Amino acid sequence: MLDLKNLQNNFDEVAKKLKNKKVDENILKKLAELFASLKKEKTALEEFQAFQNKFSKELATAEDKENLKAKLSENKSKINEQSAKVNALENELEEIAHAI
């Protein structure tokens, strides 16, 4: 199995070694795409979590608590959806790594 952290951090170097071992170039392209998507989705997840943390702290002193609770609830749903996307991408990467 491939070390995904090493592959992500040193993609070009590891990809070159894998090409020398006759790993299909389409698989390497797919891995690169998945890593790019994973980075994008993790960034979005972190933004949702930062929003949740910031406004959860402000909830105690907020004047319009009901509106803020609604926003936090909506954001919590977005966090759950985003977490599912991140998990799916991570699982797909692991499946490919096991196959190589």
N, C-alpha and C. Protein backbone atom coordinates (compact mmCIF):
# COMPACT_ATOMS: atom_id res chain seq x y z
N MET A 1 0.84 -1.19 0.00
CA MET A 1 0.00 0.00 0.00
C MET A 1 0.88 1.25 0.00
N LEU A 2 0.41 2.25 -0.69
CA LEU A 2 1.12 3.53 -0.75
C LEU A 2 0.93 4.33 0.53
N ASP A 3 1.94 5.08 0.88
CA ASP A 3 1.83 6.03 1.98
C ASP A 3 1.21 7.30 1.40
N LEU A 4 -0.06 7.53 1.71
CA LEU A 4 -0.79 8.65 1.11
C LEU A 4 -0.20 10.00 1.50
N LYS A 5 0.26 10.13 2.74
CA LYS A 5 0.87 11.40 3.18
C LYS A 5 2.11 11.70 2.34
N ASN A 6 2.95 10.70 2.17
CA ASN A 6 4.16 10.87 1.38
C ASN A 6 3.81 11.20 -0.07
N LEU A 7 2.82 10.51 -0.60
CA LEU A 7 2.39 10.76 -1.97
C LEU A 7 1.87 12.18 -2.13
N GLN A 8 1.08 12.62 -1.17
CA GLN A 8 0.52 13.97 -1.24
C GLN A 8 1.62 15.03 -1.12
N ASN A 9 2.55 14.83 -0.22
CA ASN A 9 3.60 15.83 0.02
C ASN A 9 4.68 15.83 -1.06
N ASN A 10 4.91 14.69 -1.67
CA ASN A 10 5.97 14.56 -2.68
C ASN A 10 5.40 13.91 -3.94
N PHE A 11 4.31 14.45 -4.44
CA PHE A 11 3.57 13.77 -5.50
C PHE A 11 4.43 13.50 -6.73
N ASP A 12 5.12 14.51 -7.22
CA ASP A 12 5.89 14.34 -8.46
C ASP A 12 6.96 13.26 -8.32
N GLU A 13 7.65 13.29 -7.21
CA GLU A 13 8.72 12.31 -6.97
C GLU A 13 8.17 10.89 -6.88
N VAL A 14 7.12 10.72 -6.09
CA VAL A 14 6.53 9.39 -5.92
C VAL A 14 5.88 8.93 -7.22
N ALA A 15 5.22 9.84 -7.93
CA ALA A 15 4.58 9.48 -9.19
C ALA A 15 5.61 8.99 -10.20
N LYS A 16 6.76 9.64 -10.22
CA LYS A 16 7.83 9.22 -11.13
C LYS A 16 8.28 7.80 -10.81
N LYS A 17 8.44 7.50 -9.53
CA LYS A 17 8.84 6.15 -9.11
C LYS A 17 7.77 5.12 -9.48
N LEU A 18 6.51 5.52 -9.31
CA LEU A 18 5.41 4.61 -9.65
C LEU A 18 5.34 4.37 -11.15
N LYS A 19 5.62 5.39 -11.94
CA LYS A 19 5.65 5.21 -13.40
C LYS A 19 6.73 4.20 -13.77
N ASN A 20 7.87 4.29 -13.10
CA ASN A 20 8.95 3.34 -13.37
C ASN A 20 8.55 1.91 -13.00
N LYS A 21 7.60 1.78 -12.08
CA LYS A 21 7.10 0.46 -11.68
C LYS A 21 5.89 0.05 -12.51
N LYS A 22 5.67 0.79 -13.60
CA LYS A 22 4.61 0.48 -14.57
C LYS A 22 3.19 0.68 -14.03
N VAL A 23 3.02 1.63 -13.10
CA VAL A 23 1.68 1.98 -12.64
C VAL A 23 1.03 2.83 -13.73
N ASP A 24 -0.21 2.52 -14.05
CA ASP A 24 -0.95 3.21 -15.11
C ASP A 24 -0.98 4.72 -14.85
N GLU A 25 -0.67 5.48 -15.89
CA GLU A 25 -0.63 6.94 -15.76
C GLU A 25 -2.01 7.52 -15.44
N ASN A 26 -3.07 6.87 -15.89
CA ASN A 26 -4.43 7.34 -15.58
C ASN A 26 -4.71 7.26 -14.08
N ILE A 27 -4.16 6.25 -13.43
CA ILE A 27 -4.32 6.13 -11.98
C ILE A 27 -3.61 7.28 -11.28
N LEU A 28 -2.43 7.63 -11.77
CA LEU A 28 -1.69 8.74 -11.17
C LEU A 28 -2.42 10.07 -11.37
N LYS A 29 -3.02 10.24 -12.55
CA LYS A 29 -3.81 11.45 -12.81
C LYS A 29 -5.01 11.50 -11.87
N LYS A 30 -5.65 10.35 -11.69
CA LYS A 30 -6.81 10.28 -10.80
C LYS A 30 -6.40 10.63 -9.37
N LEU A 31 -5.26 10.13 -8.93
CA LEU A 31 -4.76 10.46 -7.59
C LEU A 31 -4.52 11.96 -7.45
N ALA A 32 -3.92 12.57 -8.46
CA ALA A 32 -3.66 14.01 -8.42
C ALA A 32 -4.97 14.79 -8.32
N GLU A 33 -5.97 14.38 -9.10
CA GLU A 33 -7.28 15.03 -9.06
C GLU A 33 -7.93 14.87 -7.69
N LEU A 34 -7.84 13.68 -7.14
CA LEU A 34 -8.44 13.42 -5.83
C LEU A 34 -7.77 14.24 -4.74
N PHE A 35 -6.45 14.35 -4.79
CA PHE A 35 -5.75 15.17 -3.80
C PHE A 35 -6.15 16.64 -3.91
N ALA A 36 -6.30 17.13 -5.14
CA ALA A 36 -6.72 18.53 -5.34
C ALA A 36 -8.14 18.74 -4.80
N SER A 37 -9.02 17.81 -5.10
CA SER A 37 -10.40 17.90 -4.59
C SER A 37 -10.44 17.82 -3.08
N LEU A 38 -9.64 16.92 -2.53
CA LEU A 38 -9.61 16.75 -1.07
C LEU A 38 -9.15 18.04 -0.40
N LYS A 39 -8.14 18.66 -0.95
CA LYS A 39 -7.64 19.91 -0.38
C LYS A 39 -8.72 20.98 -0.40
N LYS A 40 -9.42 21.09 -1.52
CA LYS A 40 -10.49 22.08 -1.67
C LYS A 40 -11.62 21.81 -0.67
N GLU A 41 -12.03 20.56 -0.58
CA GLU A 41 -13.15 20.21 0.31
C GLU A 41 -12.76 20.36 1.78
N LYS A 42 -11.52 20.04 2.13
CA LYS A 42 -11.07 20.23 3.52
C LYS A 42 -11.04 21.71 3.89
N THR A 43 -10.63 22.54 2.94
CA THR A 43 -10.61 23.99 3.19
C THR A 43 -12.02 24.49 3.44
N ALA A 44 -12.97 24.04 2.64
CA ALA A 44 -14.37 24.44 2.84
C ALA A 44 -14.88 23.96 4.19
N LEU A 45 -14.54 22.73 4.57
CA LEU A 45 -14.95 22.20 5.87
C LEU A 45 -14.38 23.04 7.00
N GLU A 46 -13.12 23.41 6.90
CA GLU A 46 -12.49 24.23 7.94
C GLU A 46 -13.16 25.60 8.05
N GLU A 47 -13.60 26.16 6.92
CA GLU A 47 -14.30 27.44 6.94
C GLU A 47 -15.64 27.31 7.67
N PHE A 48 -16.38 26.24 7.39
CA PHE A 48 -17.65 26.01 8.08
C PHE A 48 -17.42 25.83 9.58
N GLN A 49 -16.38 25.09 9.93
CA GLN A 49 -16.07 24.86 11.35
C GLN A 49 -15.65 26.15 12.04
N ALA A 50 -14.89 26.99 11.35
CA ALA A 50 -14.48 28.27 11.93
C ALA A 50 -15.70 29.15 12.18
N PHE A 51 -16.63 29.16 11.23
CA PHE A 51 -17.87 29.92 11.39
C PHE A 51 -18.63 29.41 12.62
N GLN A 52 -18.73 28.09 12.72
CA GLN A 52 -19.46 27.48 13.83
C GLN A 52 -18.82 27.86 15.17
N ASN A 53 -17.51 27.78 15.24
CA ASN A 53 -16.81 28.11 16.48
C ASN A 53 -16.99 29.58 16.85
N LYS A 54 -16.83 30.44 15.87
CA LYS A 54 -16.93 31.88 16.13
C LYS A 54 -18.31 32.27 16.66
N PHE A 55 -19.34 31.82 15.95
CA PHE A 55 -20.68 32.25 16.32
C PHE A 55 -21.27 31.46 17.49
N SER A 56 -20.74 30.28 17.75
CA SER A 56 -21.18 29.55 18.95
C SER A 56 -20.76 30.30 20.20
N LYS A 57 -19.57 30.90 20.15
CA LYS A 57 -19.09 31.68 21.29
C LYS A 57 -19.91 32.96 21.48
N GLU A 58 -20.39 33.52 20.37
CA GLU A 58 -21.16 34.76 20.43
C GLU A 58 -22.62 34.53 20.81
N LEU A 59 -23.06 33.29 20.78
CA LEU A 59 -24.46 32.98 21.04
C LEU A 59 -24.91 33.46 22.42
N ALA A 60 -24.06 33.33 23.41
CA ALA A 60 -24.43 33.70 24.78
C ALA A 60 -24.72 35.18 24.92
N THR A 61 -24.03 36.01 24.15
CA THR A 61 -24.21 37.46 24.29
C THR A 61 -24.99 38.07 23.13
N ALA A 62 -25.45 37.26 22.20
CA ALA A 62 -26.16 37.79 21.03
C ALA A 62 -27.53 38.31 21.41
N GLU A 63 -27.94 39.37 20.71
CA GLU A 63 -29.27 39.93 20.94
C GLU A 63 -30.33 39.11 20.21
N ASP A 64 -30.05 38.71 19.01
CA ASP A 64 -31.00 37.93 18.21
C ASP A 64 -30.59 36.46 18.23
N LYS A 65 -30.83 35.82 19.37
CA LYS A 65 -30.38 34.43 19.57
C LYS A 65 -31.06 33.45 18.62
N GLU A 66 -32.33 33.65 18.36
CA GLU A 66 -33.06 32.71 17.51
C GLU A 66 -32.51 32.70 16.09
N ASN A 67 -32.23 33.89 15.57
CA ASN A 67 -31.66 33.99 14.23
C ASN A 67 -30.29 33.33 14.18
N LEU A 68 -29.48 33.59 15.19
CA LEU A 68 -28.14 33.01 15.25
C LEU A 68 -28.21 31.49 15.41
N LYS A 69 -29.16 31.01 16.22
CA LYS A 69 -29.33 29.56 16.37
C LYS A 69 -29.69 28.91 15.03
N ALA A 70 -30.54 29.60 14.27
CA ALA A 70 -30.93 29.07 12.96
C ALA A 70 -29.72 29.00 12.02
N LYS A 71 -28.90 30.06 12.04
CA LYS A 71 -27.70 30.07 11.19
C LYS A 71 -26.74 28.96 11.61
N LEU A 72 -26.58 28.78 12.92
CA LEU A 72 -25.68 27.74 13.42
C LEU A 72 -26.19 26.34 13.05
N SER A 73 -27.50 26.17 13.11
CA SER A 73 -28.10 24.88 12.76
C SER A 73 -27.89 24.59 11.27
N GLU A 74 -28.10 25.60 10.45
CA GLU A 74 -27.89 25.45 9.01
C GLU A 74 -26.42 25.14 8.72
N ASN A 75 -25.53 25.84 9.42
CA ASN A 75 -24.10 25.63 9.22
C ASN A 75 -23.69 24.23 9.67
N LYS A 76 -24.31 23.74 10.74
CA LYS A 76 -24.02 22.39 11.24
C LYS A 76 -24.36 21.35 10.16
N SER A 77 -25.46 21.58 9.45
CA SER A 77 -25.83 20.69 8.34
C SER A 77 -24.78 20.73 7.24
N LYS A 78 -24.28 21.93 6.95
CA LYS A 78 -23.23 22.07 5.94
C LYS A 78 -21.96 21.35 6.37
N ILE A 79 -21.64 21.44 7.66
CA ILE A 79 -20.46 20.74 8.19
C ILE A 79 -20.62 19.23 7.99
N ASN A 80 -21.80 18.71 8.29
CA ASN A 80 -22.04 17.27 8.12
C ASN A 80 -21.91 16.84 6.66
N GLU A 81 -22.48 17.65 5.75
CA GLU A 81 -22.39 17.34 4.32
C GLU A 81 -20.93 17.39 3.86
N GLN A 82 -20.23 18.41 4.30
CA GLN A 82 -18.83 18.59 3.89
C GLN A 82 -17.96 17.47 4.45
N SER A 83 -18.23 17.07 5.68
CA SER A 83 -17.48 15.96 6.28
C SER A 83 -17.68 14.68 5.49
N ALA A 84 -18.90 14.47 5.02
CA ALA A 84 -19.19 13.28 4.22
C ALA A 84 -18.40 13.32 2.91
N LYS A 85 -18.31 14.50 2.28
CA LYS A 85 -17.53 14.63 1.04
C LYS A 85 -16.06 14.32 1.29
N VAL A 86 -15.52 14.89 2.37
CA VAL A 86 -14.11 14.68 2.71
C VAL A 86 -13.86 13.20 2.97
N ASN A 87 -14.73 12.57 3.74
CA ASN A 87 -14.58 11.14 4.05
C ASN A 87 -14.64 10.28 2.79
N ALA A 88 -15.54 10.63 1.87
CA ALA A 88 -15.66 9.87 0.63
C ALA A 88 -14.38 9.97 -0.20
N LEU A 89 -13.83 11.18 -0.28
CA LEU A 89 -12.58 11.36 -1.02
C LEU A 89 -11.43 10.60 -0.37
N GLU A 90 -11.35 10.66 0.95
CA GLU A 90 -10.29 9.94 1.66
C GLU A 90 -10.43 8.44 1.45
N ASN A 91 -11.66 7.94 1.48
CA ASN A 91 -11.88 6.50 1.26
C ASN A 91 -11.49 6.09 -0.16
N GLU A 92 -11.82 6.94 -1.13
CA GLU A 92 -11.46 6.64 -2.52
C GLU A 92 -9.94 6.61 -2.69
N LEU A 93 -9.26 7.56 -2.06
CA LEU A 93 -7.79 7.57 -2.11
C LEU A 93 -7.20 6.31 -1.49
N GLU A 94 -7.76 5.89 -0.36
CA GLU A 94 -7.27 4.68 0.31
C GLU A 94 -7.49 3.44 -0.54
N GLU A 95 -8.65 3.38 -1.21
CA GLU A 95 -8.93 2.23 -2.08
C GLU A 95 -7.91 2.13 -3.21
N ILE A 96 -7.60 3.28 -3.81
CA ILE A 96 -6.63 3.28 -4.90
C ILE A 96 -5.25 2.90 -4.36
N ALA A 97 -4.90 3.43 -3.20
CA ALA A 97 -3.59 3.14 -2.60
C ALA A 97 -3.46 1.64 -2.31
N HIS A 98 -4.53 1.01 -1.87
CA HIS A 98 -4.49 -0.43 -1.60
C HIS A 98 -4.33 -1.23 -2.89
N ALA A 99 -4.86 -0.70 -3.98
CA ALA A 99 -4.82 -1.42 -5.25
C ALA A 99 -3.46 -1.35 -5.93
N ILE A 100 -2.68 -0.34 -5.57
CA ILE A 100 -1.37 -0.17 -6.23
C ILE A 100 -0.34 -1.08 -5.58
